[in-house]
Amino acid sequence: MKLKGTELDYQGAVSVESTPAGAKPWRIPYEQQELFLPKSLLRQTEVPAGVRITFKSDSRTAVLHVEGSDVERTIDCVVDGKLHQSVDMTPNQEVCRFDNLPENSSRVELFLPQKKGPLIVRELELDHGASYSHIEDNRLRWISYGSSITQCEEASGPSRTWPALVANHFDWHSTNLGYSGNCHLEMMVARMIRELPADLISICAGINIMGVSSMSERTFQAALIGFVQVVREKHPHTPIILQSPIFAEKESRETHPNKVDLTLQIMRTIVRETVEVMQGQGDNNLYYLDGLEVFGEEWKDSFPDKLHPDAEGYVNMSKQMIQLIEQLGLGTQLKPTAVI
């Protein structure tokens, strides 16, 4: 059985472009790509982080045909919520094969690469005579917006990023909007999140803004408020977690001011105060999460470049997030609010 890339379901994608070569998942509405500036942001929206091809089948094999690339890529096969097989693809490799799938009809998710450029899917090949059906995903929906630390390029595979692990733990549908180097509270991203169905939204802001001095103390808090308020236009009651940056030793960012006199310590205070201000205005579904509680200095050995957690670090970060989300009352207690 062969299915064209354009016939498949891509969960976690915002849109899917039909190209002459096959299906290309995007993490923005691709028809509006010229509005998602700068180009550095646009390039990251092509990376299918958190996107998975989902289906139900009793096929013992699944062979994914993709357009070749000049970079190494990893695709994970998750069966009924458990990692079944991970395939590391060499540059220019176009075929990814998964074997020994369960005999009984199972929920299969093929997690696409979370790094290094776009992916175009040509076709999916299953055993002759095997069953195949689409899966209607009615689970609670979580959107996570952030930087490379949400995209998780250093994770050992695309199903082992911290957002994927957290979503798997709570059995949530996940949309990963981590844009490496490009989390700067762009209004087009806020407008996009506003239009997406969500039962929980998390926003981790600050590390990219600090790194390139794209906002000052004068503009950062106003941008945070504006971003949340735009999302609130169609998510008036959806829980939103506003998280400050995790620990970072690189360039002494914790205490050494950048070009506009911001440090990570100052930014955490601004994020916390922003949440307090908006709570004071009646937003009772806005929650603050201190990045140092998520991954603080005690985990510094997990930062090989003093900025990004390594593969094991992201696994540990997922465990921290699960505990903190539960403490906020937003884990197993989360209620549906998606109405879009």
C-alpha atoms as a PDB file:
ATOM      1  CA  MET A   1       0.000   0.000   0.000  1.00  0.00           C
ATOM      2  CA  LYS A   2       1.347   3.399  -0.995  1.00  0.00           C
ATOM      3  CA  LEU A   3      -0.025   6.721   0.206  1.00  0.00           C
ATOM      4  CA  LYS A   4       1.069  10.040  -1.225  1.00  0.00           C
ATOM      5  CA  GLY A   5       2.552  12.545   1.170  1.00  0.00           C
ATOM      6  CA  THR A   6      -0.384  14.831   0.528  1.00  0.00           C
ATOM      7  CA  GLU A   7      -2.807  12.097   1.684  1.00  0.00           C
ATOM      8  CA  LEU A   8      -1.308  11.795   5.158  1.00  0.00           C
ATOM      9  CA  ASP A   9      -2.230  13.470   8.462  1.00  0.00           C
ATOM     10  CA  TYR A  10       0.353  15.840   9.966  1.00  0.00           C
ATOM     11  CA  GLN A  11      -0.446  16.484  13.614  1.00  0.00           C
ATOM     12  CA  GLY A  12       1.426  19.400  15.183  1.00  0.00           C
ATOM     13  CA  ALA A  13       1.726  21.227  11.861  1.00  0.00           C
ATOM     14  CA  VAL A  14       0.010  24.586  11.449  1.00  0.00           C
ATOM     15  CA  SER A  15      -0.333  24.051   7.701  1.00  0.00           C
ATOM     16  CA  VAL A  16       0.807  21.629   4.987  1.00  0.00           C
ATOM     17  CA  GLU A  17       1.919  22.819   1.584  1.00  0.00           C
ATOM     18  CA  SER A  18       1.369  20.614  -1.459  1.00  0.00           C
ATOM     19  CA  THR A  19       4.503  20.916  -3.611  1.00  0.00           C
ATOM     20  CA  PRO A  20       5.468  19.141  -6.855  1.00  0.00           C
ATOM     21  CA  ALA A  21       7.839  16.975  -4.784  1.00  0.00           C
ATOM     22  CA  GLY A  22       5.330  16.112  -2.032  1.00  0.00           C
ATOM     23  CA  ALA A  23       3.889  17.456   1.218  1.00  0.00           C
ATOM     24  CA  LYS A  24       5.769  20.088   3.219  1.00  0.00           C
ATOM     25  CA  PRO A  25       4.596  20.706   6.794  1.00  0.00           C
ATOM     26  CA  TRP A  26       4.970  24.221   8.186  1.00  0.00           C
ATOM     27  CA  ARG A  27       4.670  25.707  11.663  1.00  0.00           C
ATOM     28  CA  ILE A  28       2.939  28.820  10.319  1.00  0.00           C
ATOM     29  CA  PRO A  29       0.163  29.287   7.738  1.00  0.00           C
ATOM     30  CA  TYR A  30       2.442  28.873   4.714  1.00  0.00           C
ATOM     31  CA  GLU A  31       0.175  31.036   2.537  1.00  0.00           C
ATOM     32  CA  GLN A  32       1.146  33.990   4.779  1.00  0.00           C
ATOM     33  CA  GLN A  33       4.864  33.237   4.905  1.00  0.00           C
ATOM     34  CA  GLU A  34       5.874  36.626   3.523  1.00  0.00           C
ATOM     35  CA  LEU A  35       4.391  38.225   6.654  1.00  0.00           C
ATOM     36  CA  PHE A  36       6.465  36.150   9.080  1.00  0.00           C
ATOM     37  CA  LEU A  37       9.574  38.263   9.127  1.00  0.00           C
ATOM     38  CA  PRO A  38      12.492  38.396   9.493  1.00  0.00           C
ATOM     39  CA  LYS A  39      13.719  35.623   7.187  1.00  0.00           C
ATOM     40  CA  SER A  40      15.572  34.011  10.089  1.00  0.00           C
ATOM     41  CA  LEU A  41      12.175  33.355  11.713  1.00  0.00           C
ATOM     42  CA  LEU A  42      10.706  32.100   8.445  1.00  0.00           C
ATOM     43  CA  ARG A  43      13.503  29.548   8.061  1.00  0.00           C
ATOM     44  CA  GLN A  44      12.735  28.077  11.476  1.00  0.00           C
ATOM     45  CA  THR A  45       9.018  27.785  10.729  1.00  0.00           C
ATOM     46  CA  GLU A  46       9.906  25.312   7.942  1.00  0.00           C
ATOM     47  CA  VAL A  47      11.562  22.963  10.437  1.00  0.00           C
ATOM     48  CA  PRO A  48       8.935  20.324  11.359  1.00  0.00           C
ATOM     49  CA  ALA A  49       9.725  20.244  15.089  1.00  0.00           C
ATOM     50  CA  GLY A  50       6.972  18.394  16.926  1.00  0.00           C
ATOM     51  CA  VAL A  51       5.198  17.442  13.697  1.00  0.00           C
ATOM     52  CA  ARG A  52       4.224  13.801  13.338  1.00  0.00           C
ATOM     53  CA  ILE A  53       2.538  11.710  10.680  1.00  0.00           C
ATOM     54  CA  THR A  54      -0.210   9.778  12.461  1.00  0.00           C
ATOM     55  CA  PHE A  55      -2.256   6.775  11.387  1.00  0.00           C
ATOM     56  CA  LYS A  56      -3.649   3.471  12.581  1.00  0.00           C
ATOM     57  CA  SER A  57      -2.470   0.291  10.888  1.00  0.00           C
ATOM     58  CA  ASP A  58      -1.603  -3.380  11.364  1.00  0.00           C
ATOM     59  CA  SER A  59       1.286  -3.152   8.909  1.00  0.00           C
ATOM     60  CA  ARG A  60       4.493  -4.774  10.192  1.00  0.00           C
ATOM     61  CA  THR A  61       6.608  -2.232   8.299  1.00  0.00           C
ATOM     62  CA  ALA A  62       6.366   1.465   7.481  1.00  0.00           C
ATOM     63  CA  VAL A  63       8.624   3.012   4.855  1.00  0.00           C
ATOM     64  CA  LEU A  64       8.707   6.782   4.574  1.00  0.00           C
ATOM     65  CA  HIS A  65       9.994   8.313   1.342  1.00  0.00           C
ATOM     66  CA  VAL A  66      11.223  11.903   1.639  1.00  0.00           C
ATOM     67  CA  GLU A  67      13.065  14.385  -0.506  1.00  0.00           C
ATOM     68  CA  GLY A  68      16.819  14.155  -0.010  1.00  0.00           C
ATOM     69  CA  SER A  69      18.716  16.703   2.064  1.00  0.00           C
ATOM     70  CA  ASP A  70      22.375  17.561   2.551  1.00  0.00           C
ATOM     71  CA  VAL A  71      22.105  17.228   6.352  1.00  0.00           C
ATOM     72  CA  GLU A  72      21.697  14.364   8.804  1.00  0.00           C
ATOM     73  CA  ARG A  73      18.180  13.888  10.137  1.00  0.00           C
ATOM     74  CA  THR A  74      16.431  11.657  12.663  1.00  0.00           C
ATOM     75  CA  ILE A  75      12.883  10.315  12.454  1.00  0.00           C
ATOM     76  CA  ASP A  76      11.256   8.498  15.374  1.00  0.00           C
ATOM     77  CA  CYS A  77       8.515   5.880  15.184  1.00  0.00           C
ATOM     78  CA  VAL A  78       6.260   5.934  18.244  1.00  0.00           C
ATOM     79  CA  VAL A  79       3.682   3.162  18.615  1.00  0.00           C
ATOM     80  CA  ASP A  80       0.847   3.531  21.094  1.00  0.00           C
ATOM     81  CA  GLY A  81       2.793   6.215  22.951  1.00  0.00           C
ATOM     82  CA  LYS A  82       6.086   4.295  23.205  1.00  0.00           C
ATOM     83  CA  LEU A  83       9.243   4.802  21.163  1.00  0.00           C
ATOM     84  CA  HIS A  84       9.494   1.812  18.829  1.00  0.00           C
ATOM     85  CA  GLN A  85      12.434   2.720  16.599  1.00  0.00           C
ATOM     86  CA  SER A  86      14.610   5.697  15.766  1.00  0.00           C
ATOM     87  CA  VAL A  87      16.307   6.052  12.382  1.00  0.00           C
ATOM     88  CA  ASP A  88      19.268   8.361  11.769  1.00  0.00           C
ATOM     89  CA  MET A  89      19.276   9.381   8.132  1.00  0.00           C
ATOM     90  CA  THR A  90      22.546  10.237   6.425  1.00  0.00           C
ATOM     91  CA  PRO A  91      22.830  13.191   4.018  1.00  0.00           C
ATOM     92  CA  ASN A  92      20.905  12.580   0.780  1.00  0.00           C
ATOM     93  CA  GLN A  93      19.146   9.499   2.204  1.00  0.00           C
ATOM     94  CA  GLU A  94      15.580   9.439   0.902  1.00  0.00           C
ATOM     95  CA  VAL A  95      14.114   6.294   2.485  1.00  0.00           C
ATOM     96  CA  CYS A  96      13.403   5.724   6.177  1.00  0.00           C
ATOM     97  CA  ARG A  97      12.278   2.211   7.116  1.00  0.00           C
ATOM     98  CA  PHE A  98      10.653   1.025  10.330  1.00  0.00           C
ATOM     99  CA  ASP A  99      10.354  -2.726  10.940  1.00  0.00           C
ATOM    100  CA  ASN A 100       8.714  -5.145  13.368  1.00  0.00           C
ATOM    101  CA  LEU A 101       5.662  -3.038  14.105  1.00  0.00           C
ATOM    102  CA  PRO A 102       3.023  -4.810  16.240  1.00  0.00           C
ATOM    103  CA  GLU A 103       0.733  -7.331  14.547  1.00  0.00           C
ATOM    104  CA  ASN A 104      -2.412  -5.755  15.933  1.00  0.00           C
ATOM    105  CA  SER A 105      -3.750  -2.474  14.635  1.00  0.00           C
ATOM    106  CA  SER A 106      -1.851   0.268  16.462  1.00  0.00           C
ATOM    107  CA  ARG A 107      -1.580   4.024  16.691  1.00  0.00           C
ATOM    108  CA  VAL A 108       1.587   4.957  14.805  1.00  0.00           C
ATOM    109  CA  GLU A 109       3.261   8.364  14.954  1.00  0.00           C
ATOM    110  CA  LEU A 110       6.266   9.198  12.807  1.00  0.00           C
ATOM    111  CA  PHE A 111       7.953  12.172  14.461  1.00  0.00           C
ATOM    112  CA  LEU A 112       9.697  14.337  11.874  1.00  0.00           C
ATOM    113  CA  PRO A 113      13.095  16.002  12.512  1.00  0.00           C
ATOM    114  CA  GLN A 114      13.209  18.898  14.968  1.00  0.00           C
ATOM    115  CA  LYS A 115      16.269  20.498  13.354  1.00  0.00           C
ATOM    116  CA  LYS A 116      18.162  21.338  10.194  1.00  0.00           C
ATOM    117  CA  GLY A 117      15.730  22.609   7.629  1.00  0.00           C
ATOM    118  CA  PRO A 118      12.432  21.613   6.006  1.00  0.00           C
ATOM    119  CA  LEU A 119      11.231  18.131   5.154  1.00  0.00           C
ATOM    120  CA  ILE A 120       9.162  17.140   2.132  1.00  0.00           C
ATOM    121  CA  VAL A 121       7.294  13.834   2.346  1.00  0.00           C
ATOM    122  CA  ARG A 122       6.802  11.989  -0.935  1.00  0.00           C
ATOM    123  CA  GLU A 123       4.938   8.886   0.199  1.00  0.00           C
ATOM    124  CA  LEU A 124       4.351   6.343   2.932  1.00  0.00           C
ATOM    125  CA  GLU A 125       4.572   2.669   2.026  1.00  0.00           C
ATOM    126  CA  LEU A 126       2.863  -0.021   4.140  1.00  0.00           C
ATOM    127  CA  ASP A 127       2.593  -3.795   3.739  1.00  0.00           C
ATOM    128  CA  HIS A 128       0.370  -5.109   0.949  1.00  0.00           C
ATOM    129  CA  GLY A 129      -3.091  -5.777   2.337  1.00  0.00           C
ATOM    130  CA  ALA A 130      -2.438  -3.944   5.603  1.00  0.00           C
ATOM    131  CA  SER A 131      -5.145  -1.833   7.193  1.00  0.00           C
ATOM    132  CA  TYR A 132      -4.838   1.942   7.265  1.00  0.00           C
ATOM    133  CA  SER A 133      -7.044   4.601   8.769  1.00  0.00           C
ATOM    134  CA  HIS A 134      -6.815   8.205   9.896  1.00  0.00           C
ATOM    135  CA  ILE A 135      -6.949   8.978  13.620  1.00  0.00           C
ATOM    136  CA  GLU A 136      -9.281  11.631  14.939  1.00  0.00           C
ATOM    137  CA  ASP A 137      -7.262  13.273  17.688  1.00  0.00           C
ATOM    138  CA  ASN A 138      -9.631  14.623  20.319  1.00  0.00           C
ATOM    139  CA  ARG A 139      -7.054  14.968  23.096  1.00  0.00           C
ATOM    140  CA  LEU A 140      -6.513  18.222  24.962  1.00  0.00           C
ATOM    141  CA  ARG A 141      -4.433  20.613  22.872  1.00  0.00           C
ATOM    142  CA  TRP A 142      -1.265  22.296  24.119  1.00  0.00           C
ATOM    143  CA  ILE A 143       0.701  24.971  22.261  1.00  0.00           C
ATOM    144  CA  SER A 144       4.252  25.683  23.437  1.00  0.00           C
ATOM    145  CA  TYR A 145       5.921  28.844  22.108  1.00  0.00           C
ATOM    146  CA  GLY A 146       9.581  29.568  22.678  1.00  0.00           C
ATOM    147  CA  SER A 147      13.148  29.511  21.426  1.00  0.00           C
ATOM    148  CA  SER A 148      15.675  26.801  20.534  1.00  0.00           C
ATOM    149  CA  ILE A 149      15.194  25.525  24.083  1.00  0.00           C
ATOM    150  CA  THR A 150      11.618  24.652  23.073  1.00  0.00           C
ATOM    151  CA  GLN A 151      12.614  23.400  19.615  1.00  0.00           C
ATOM    152  CA  CYS A 152      15.290  21.208  21.297  1.00  0.00           C
ATOM    153  CA  GLU A 153      17.797  20.575  18.514  1.00  0.00           C
ATOM    154  CA  GLU A 154      20.114  18.803  20.983  1.00  0.00           C
ATOM    155  CA  ALA A 155      17.492  16.177  21.913  1.00  0.00           C
ATOM    156  CA  SER A 156      18.420  12.620  20.905  1.00  0.00           C
ATOM    157  CA  GLY A 157      15.357  12.403  18.675  1.00  0.00           C
ATOM    158  CA  PRO A 158      12.232  14.357  17.731  1.00  0.00           C
ATOM    159  CA  SER A 159       9.993  12.398  20.117  1.00  0.00           C
ATOM    160  CA  ARG A 160      12.431  13.074  22.961  1.00  0.00           C
ATOM    161  CA  THR A 161      12.224  16.847  23.130  1.00  0.00           C
ATOM    162  CA  TRP A 162      10.889  18.124  26.421  1.00  0.00           C
ATOM    163  CA  PRO A 163       7.545  19.273  24.894  1.00  0.00           C
ATOM    164  CA  ALA A 164       7.044  15.863  23.235  1.00  0.00           C
ATOM    165  CA  LEU A 165       7.820  14.032  26.485  1.00  0.00           C
ATOM    166  CA  VAL A 166       5.504  16.261  28.530  1.00  0.00           C
ATOM    167  CA  ALA A 167       2.693  15.857  25.988  1.00  0.00           C
ATOM    168  CA  ASN A 168       3.164  12.090  25.945  1.00  0.00           C
ATOM    169  CA  HIS A 169       3.051  11.960  29.749  1.00  0.00           C
ATOM    170  CA  PHE A 170      -0.251  13.831  29.946  1.00  0.00           C
ATOM    171  CA  ASP A 171      -1.595  12.301  26.691  1.00  0.00           C
ATOM    172  CA  TRP A 172      -2.011  15.742  25.094  1.00  0.00           C
ATOM    173  CA  HIS A 173      -2.007  16.830  21.480  1.00  0.00           C
ATOM    174  CA  SER A 174       1.043  19.077  21.100  1.00  0.00           C
ATOM    175  CA  THR A 175       1.986  21.896  18.754  1.00  0.00           C
ATOM    176  CA  ASN A 176       5.616  22.967  19.163  1.00  0.00           C
ATOM    177  CA  LEU A 177       6.250  26.589  18.194  1.00  0.00           C
ATOM    178  CA  GLY A 178       9.849  26.694  19.360  1.00  0.00           C
ATOM    179  CA  TYR A 179      11.753  28.804  16.824  1.00  0.00           C
ATOM    180  CA  SER A 180      15.499  28.545  17.311  1.00  0.00           C
ATOM    181  CA  GLY A 181      16.975  32.019  17.816  1.00  0.00           C
ATOM    182  CA  ASN A 182      13.686  33.635  16.854  1.00  0.00           C
ATOM    183  CA  CYS A 183      11.379  33.971  19.831  1.00  0.00           C
ATOM    184  CA  HIS A 184      10.943  37.750  19.833  1.00  0.00           C
ATOM    185  CA  LEU A 185       7.200  38.054  20.534  1.00  0.00           C
ATOM    186  CA  GLU A 186       6.354  38.833  16.909  1.00  0.00           C
ATOM    187  CA  MET A 187       2.750  39.932  16.505  1.00  0.00           C
ATOM    188  CA  MET A 188       2.188  37.560  13.569  1.00  0.00           C
ATOM    189  CA  VAL A 189       2.989  34.656  15.887  1.00  0.00           C
ATOM    190  CA  ALA A 190       0.558  35.986  18.495  1.00  0.00           C
ATOM    191  CA  ARG A 191      -2.142  36.338  15.821  1.00  0.00           C
ATOM    192  CA  MET A 192      -1.481  32.783  14.659  1.00  0.00           C
ATOM    193  CA  ILE A 193      -1.727  31.324  18.177  1.00  0.00           C
ATOM    194  CA  ARG A 194      -4.938  33.298  18.634  1.00  0.00           C
ATOM    195  CA  GLU A 195      -6.474  31.391  15.717  1.00  0.00           C
ATOM    196  CA  LEU A 196      -5.351  27.900  16.789  1.00  0.00           C
ATOM    197  CA  PRO A 197      -7.432  25.644  19.051  1.00  0.00           C
ATOM    198  CA  ALA A 198      -5.807  25.271  22.462  1.00  0.00           C
ATOM    199  CA  ASP A 199      -6.646  24.046  25.944  1.00  0.00           C
ATOM    200  CA  LEU A 200      -3.267  25.197  27.311  1.00  0.00           C
ATOM    201  CA  ILE A 201      -0.704  27.675  25.990  1.00  0.00           C
ATOM    202  CA  SER A 202       2.815  28.112  27.317  1.00  0.00           C
ATOM    203  CA  ILE A 203       5.087  31.010  26.404  1.00  0.00           C
ATOM    204  CA  CYS A 204       8.777  31.041  27.301  1.00  0.00           C
ATOM    205  CA  ALA A 205      10.158  34.467  26.435  1.00  0.00           C
ATOM    206  CA  GLY A 206      13.404  36.284  27.038  1.00  0.00           C
ATOM    207  CA  ILE A 207      16.484  34.284  26.106  1.00  0.00           C
ATOM    208  CA  ASN A 208      16.571  35.304  22.415  1.00  0.00           C
ATOM    209  CA  ILE A 209      15.584  38.869  23.250  1.00  0.00           C
ATOM    210  CA  MET A 210      18.446  39.018  25.745  1.00  0.00           C
ATOM    211  CA  GLY A 211      20.912  37.440  23.318  1.00  0.00           C
ATOM    212  CA  VAL A 212      20.544  39.965  20.508  1.00  0.00           C
ATOM    213  CA  SER A 213      19.243  42.933  22.543  1.00  0.00           C
ATOM    214  CA  SER A 214      16.094  43.093  20.432  1.00  0.00           C
ATOM    215  CA  MET A 215      14.096  44.727  23.240  1.00  0.00           C
ATOM    216  CA  SER A 216      14.912  46.913  26.194  1.00  0.00           C
ATOM    217  CA  GLU A 217      13.349  47.130  29.627  1.00  0.00           C
ATOM    218  CA  ARG A 218      11.179  49.879  28.131  1.00  0.00           C
ATOM    219  CA  THR A 219       9.728  47.623  25.396  1.00  0.00           C
ATOM    220  CA  PHE A 220       9.927  44.055  26.755  1.00  0.00           C
ATOM    221  CA  GLN A 221       7.102  44.237  29.269  1.00  0.00           C
ATOM    222  CA  ALA A 222       4.814  46.098  26.862  1.00  0.00           C
ATOM    223  CA  ALA A 223       5.488  43.455  24.192  1.00  0.00           C
ATOM    224  CA  LEU A 224       4.689  40.636  26.629  1.00  0.00           C
ATOM    225  CA  ILE A 225       1.389  42.254  27.592  1.00  0.00           C
ATOM    226  CA  GLY A 226       0.463  42.905  23.965  1.00  0.00           C
ATOM    227  CA  PHE A 227       1.326  39.343  22.920  1.00  0.00           C
ATOM    228  CA  VAL A 228      -0.831  37.769  25.621  1.00  0.00           C
ATOM    229  CA  GLN A 229      -3.700  40.180  25.009  1.00  0.00           C
ATOM    230  CA  VAL A 230      -3.778  39.336  21.295  1.00  0.00           C
ATOM    231  CA  VAL A 231      -3.930  35.617  22.128  1.00  0.00           C
ATOM    232  CA  ARG A 232      -6.662  36.324  24.698  1.00  0.00           C
ATOM    233  CA  GLU A 233      -8.947  37.762  21.994  1.00  0.00           C
ATOM    234  CA  LYS A 234     -10.024  34.221  21.084  1.00  0.00           C
ATOM    235  CA  HIS A 235      -8.736  32.373  24.141  1.00  0.00           C
ATOM    236  CA  PRO A 236     -10.358  34.370  26.960  1.00  0.00           C
ATOM    237  CA  HIS A 237     -10.365  31.479  29.439  1.00  0.00           C
ATOM    238  CA  THR A 238      -7.548  29.238  28.212  1.00  0.00           C
ATOM    239  CA  PRO A 239      -4.797  28.753  30.813  1.00  0.00           C
ATOM    240  CA  ILE A 240      -1.600  30.516  29.716  1.00  0.00           C
ATOM    241  CA  ILE A 241       1.743  29.837  31.368  1.00  0.00           C
ATOM    242  CA  LEU A 242       4.207  32.708  31.021  1.00  0.00           C
ATOM    243  CA  GLN A 243       7.674  31.342  31.743  1.00  0.00           C
ATOM    244  CA  SER A 244      10.903  33.270  32.257  1.00  0.00           C
ATOM    245  CA  PRO A 245      14.257  31.995  30.880  1.00  0.00           C
ATOM    246  CA  ILE A 246      16.025  28.981  32.323  1.00  0.00           C
ATOM    247  CA  PHE A 247      19.567  29.284  33.673  1.00  0.00           C
ATOM    248  CA  ALA A 248      22.323  30.270  31.223  1.00  0.00           C
ATOM    249  CA  GLU A 249      26.023  30.777  31.919  1.00  0.00           C
ATOM    250  CA  LYS A 250      26.947  31.814  28.371  1.00  0.00           C
ATOM    251  CA  GLU A 251      28.451  35.310  28.182  1.00  0.00           C
ATOM    252  CA  SER A 252      27.559  35.753  31.868  1.00  0.00           C
ATOM    253  CA  ARG A 253      23.986  36.506  30.810  1.00  0.00           C
ATOM    254  CA  GLU A 254      22.675  36.028  34.324  1.00  0.00           C
ATOM    255  CA  THR A 255      24.367  39.149  35.673  1.00  0.00           C
ATOM    256  CA  HIS A 256      26.255  40.842  32.809  1.00  0.00           C
ATOM    257  CA  PRO A 257      24.113  43.465  31.011  1.00  0.00           C
ATOM    258  CA  ASN A 258      23.630  43.224  27.263  1.00  0.00           C
ATOM    259  CA  LYS A 259      23.674  46.218  24.911  1.00  0.00           C
ATOM    260  CA  VAL A 260      20.415  47.559  26.345  1.00  0.00           C
ATOM    261  CA  ASP A 261      21.282  46.880  29.999  1.00  0.00           C
ATOM    262  CA  LEU A 262      19.185  43.742  30.425  1.00  0.00           C
ATOM    263  CA  THR A 263      20.312  40.635  32.299  1.00  0.00           C
ATOM    264  CA  LEU A 264      18.465  37.353  32.662  1.00  0.00           C
ATOM    265  CA  GLN A 265      17.866  38.171  36.313  1.00  0.00           C
ATOM    266  CA  ILE A 266      16.187  41.437  35.321  1.00  0.00           C
ATOM    267  CA  MET A 267      14.143  39.697  32.628  1.00  0.00           C
ATOM    268  CA  ARG A 268      12.806  37.126  35.071  1.00  0.00           C
ATOM    269  CA  THR A 269      11.648  39.946  37.326  1.00  0.00           C
ATOM    270  CA  ILE A 270       9.932  41.643  34.378  1.00  0.00           C
ATOM    271  CA  VAL A 271       8.121  38.458  33.351  1.00  0.00           C
ATOM    272  CA  ARG A 272       6.944  37.834  36.913  1.00  0.00           C
ATOM    273  CA  GLU A 273       5.783  41.433  37.341  1.00  0.00           C
ATOM    274  CA  THR A 274       3.980  41.274  33.999  1.00  0.00           C
ATOM    275  CA  VAL A 275       1.981  38.277  35.157  1.00  0.00           C
ATOM    276  CA  GLU A 276       1.160  40.054  38.423  1.00  0.00           C
ATOM    277  CA  VAL A 277      -0.035  43.151  36.548  1.00  0.00           C
ATOM    278  CA  MET A 278      -2.298  41.142  34.250  1.00  0.00           C
ATOM    279  CA  GLN A 279      -3.620  39.060  37.127  1.00  0.00           C
ATOM    280  CA  GLY A 280      -4.439  42.324  38.856  1.00  0.00           C
ATOM    281  CA  GLN A 281      -6.483  43.264  35.813  1.00  0.00           C
ATOM    282  CA  GLY A 282      -8.581  40.153  36.232  1.00  0.00           C
ATOM    283  CA  ASP A 283      -6.719  37.511  34.209  1.00  0.00           C
ATOM    284  CA  ASN A 284      -7.157  34.589  36.591  1.00  0.00           C
ATOM    285  CA  ASN A 285      -6.028  32.039  34.000  1.00  0.00           C
ATOM    286  CA  LEU A 286      -2.511  33.439  33.615  1.00  0.00           C
ATOM    287  CA  TYR A 287       0.284  31.664  35.487  1.00  0.00           C
ATOM    288  CA  TYR A 288       3.927  32.539  36.119  1.00  0.00           C
ATOM    289  CA  LEU A 289       6.636  29.888  35.913  1.00  0.00           C
ATOM    290  CA  ASP A 290      10.150  30.769  37.057  1.00  0.00           C
ATOM    291  CA  GLY A 291      12.707  29.435  34.572  1.00  0.00           C
ATOM    292  CA  LEU A 292      15.120  28.708  37.413  1.00  0.00           C
ATOM    293  CA  GLU A 293      12.581  26.260  38.846  1.00  0.00           C
ATOM    294  CA  VAL A 294      12.387  24.568  35.465  1.00  0.00           C
ATOM    295  CA  PHE A 295      16.142  24.276  34.955  1.00  0.00           C
ATOM    296  CA  GLY A 296      18.332  26.235  37.315  1.00  0.00           C
ATOM    297  CA  GLU A 297      22.022  26.489  38.136  1.00  0.00           C
ATOM    298  CA  GLU A 298      22.020  23.070  39.803  1.00  0.00           C
ATOM    299  CA  TRP A 299      21.705  21.589  36.293  1.00  0.00           C
ATOM    300  CA  LYS A 300      24.674  23.515  34.839  1.00  0.00           C
ATOM    301  CA  ASP A 301      26.545  20.305  33.987  1.00  0.00           C
ATOM    302  CA  SER A 302      23.757  19.586  31.472  1.00  0.00           C
ATOM    303  CA  PHE A 303      24.673  22.698  29.419  1.00  0.00           C
ATOM    304  CA  PRO A 304      27.677  21.752  27.232  1.00  0.00           C
ATOM    305  CA  ASP A 305      27.577  25.139  25.473  1.00  0.00           C
ATOM    306  CA  LYS A 306      26.444  26.960  28.647  1.00  0.00           C
ATOM    307  CA  LEU A 307      23.121  27.792  26.990  1.00  0.00           C
ATOM    308  CA  HIS A 308      21.295  24.709  25.648  1.00  0.00           C
ATOM    309  CA  PRO A 309      20.597  21.529  27.635  1.00  0.00           C
ATOM    310  CA  ASP A 310      22.019  18.332  26.155  1.00  0.00           C
ATOM    311  CA  ALA A 311      19.884  15.298  25.260  1.00  0.00           C
ATOM    312  CA  GLU A 312      19.778  13.993  28.823  1.00  0.00           C
ATOM    313  CA  GLY A 313      19.159  17.520  30.059  1.00  0.00           C
ATOM    314  CA  TYR A 314      15.995  17.803  27.962  1.00  0.00           C
ATOM    315  CA  VAL A 315      14.724  14.526  29.419  1.00  0.00           C
ATOM    316  CA  ASN A 316      15.331  15.883  32.929  1.00  0.00           C
ATOM    317  CA  MET A 317      13.761  19.197  31.952  1.00  0.00           C
ATOM    318  CA  SER A 318      10.618  17.354  30.866  1.00  0.00           C
ATOM    319  CA  LYS A 319      10.411  15.728  34.305  1.00  0.00           C
ATOM    320  CA  GLN A 320      10.750  19.123  35.969  1.00  0.00           C
ATOM    321  CA  MET A 321       8.036  20.574  33.724  1.00  0.00           C
ATOM    322  CA  ILE A 322       5.654  17.715  34.457  1.00  0.00           C
ATOM    323  CA  GLN A 323       5.984  18.347  38.189  1.00  0.00           C
ATOM    324  CA  LEU A 324       5.604  22.115  37.860  1.00  0.00           C
ATOM    325  CA  ILE A 325       2.594  21.877  35.544  1.00  0.00           C
ATOM    326  CA  GLU A 326       0.942  19.545  38.048  1.00  0.00           C
ATOM    327  CA  GLN A 327       1.692  22.002  40.863  1.00  0.00           C
ATOM    328  CA  LEU A 328      -0.063  24.729  38.878  1.00  0.00           C
ATOM    329  CA  GLY A 329      -3.118  22.484  38.640  1.00  0.00           C
ATOM    330  CA  LEU A 330      -2.803  22.277  34.859  1.00  0.00           C
ATOM    331  CA  GLY A 331      -1.689  18.683  34.356  1.00  0.00           C
ATOM    332  CA  THR A 332      -4.090  15.814  34.933  1.00  0.00           C
ATOM    333  CA  GLN A 333      -6.594  18.420  36.156  1.00  0.00           C
ATOM    334  CA  LEU A 334      -6.596  20.371  32.851  1.00  0.00           C
ATOM    335  CA  LYS A 335     -10.067  21.001  31.426  1.00  0.00           C
ATOM    336  CA  PRO A 336     -11.095  21.574  27.797  1.00  0.00           C
ATOM    337  CA  THR A 337     -11.352  25.220  26.750  1.00  0.00           C
ATOM    338  CA  ALA A 338     -10.688  25.052  22.982  1.00  0.00           C
ATOM    339  CA  VAL A 339     -13.599  26.596  21.111  1.00  0.00           C
ATOM    340  CA  ILE A 340     -12.010  27.802  17.847  1.00  0.00           C
END
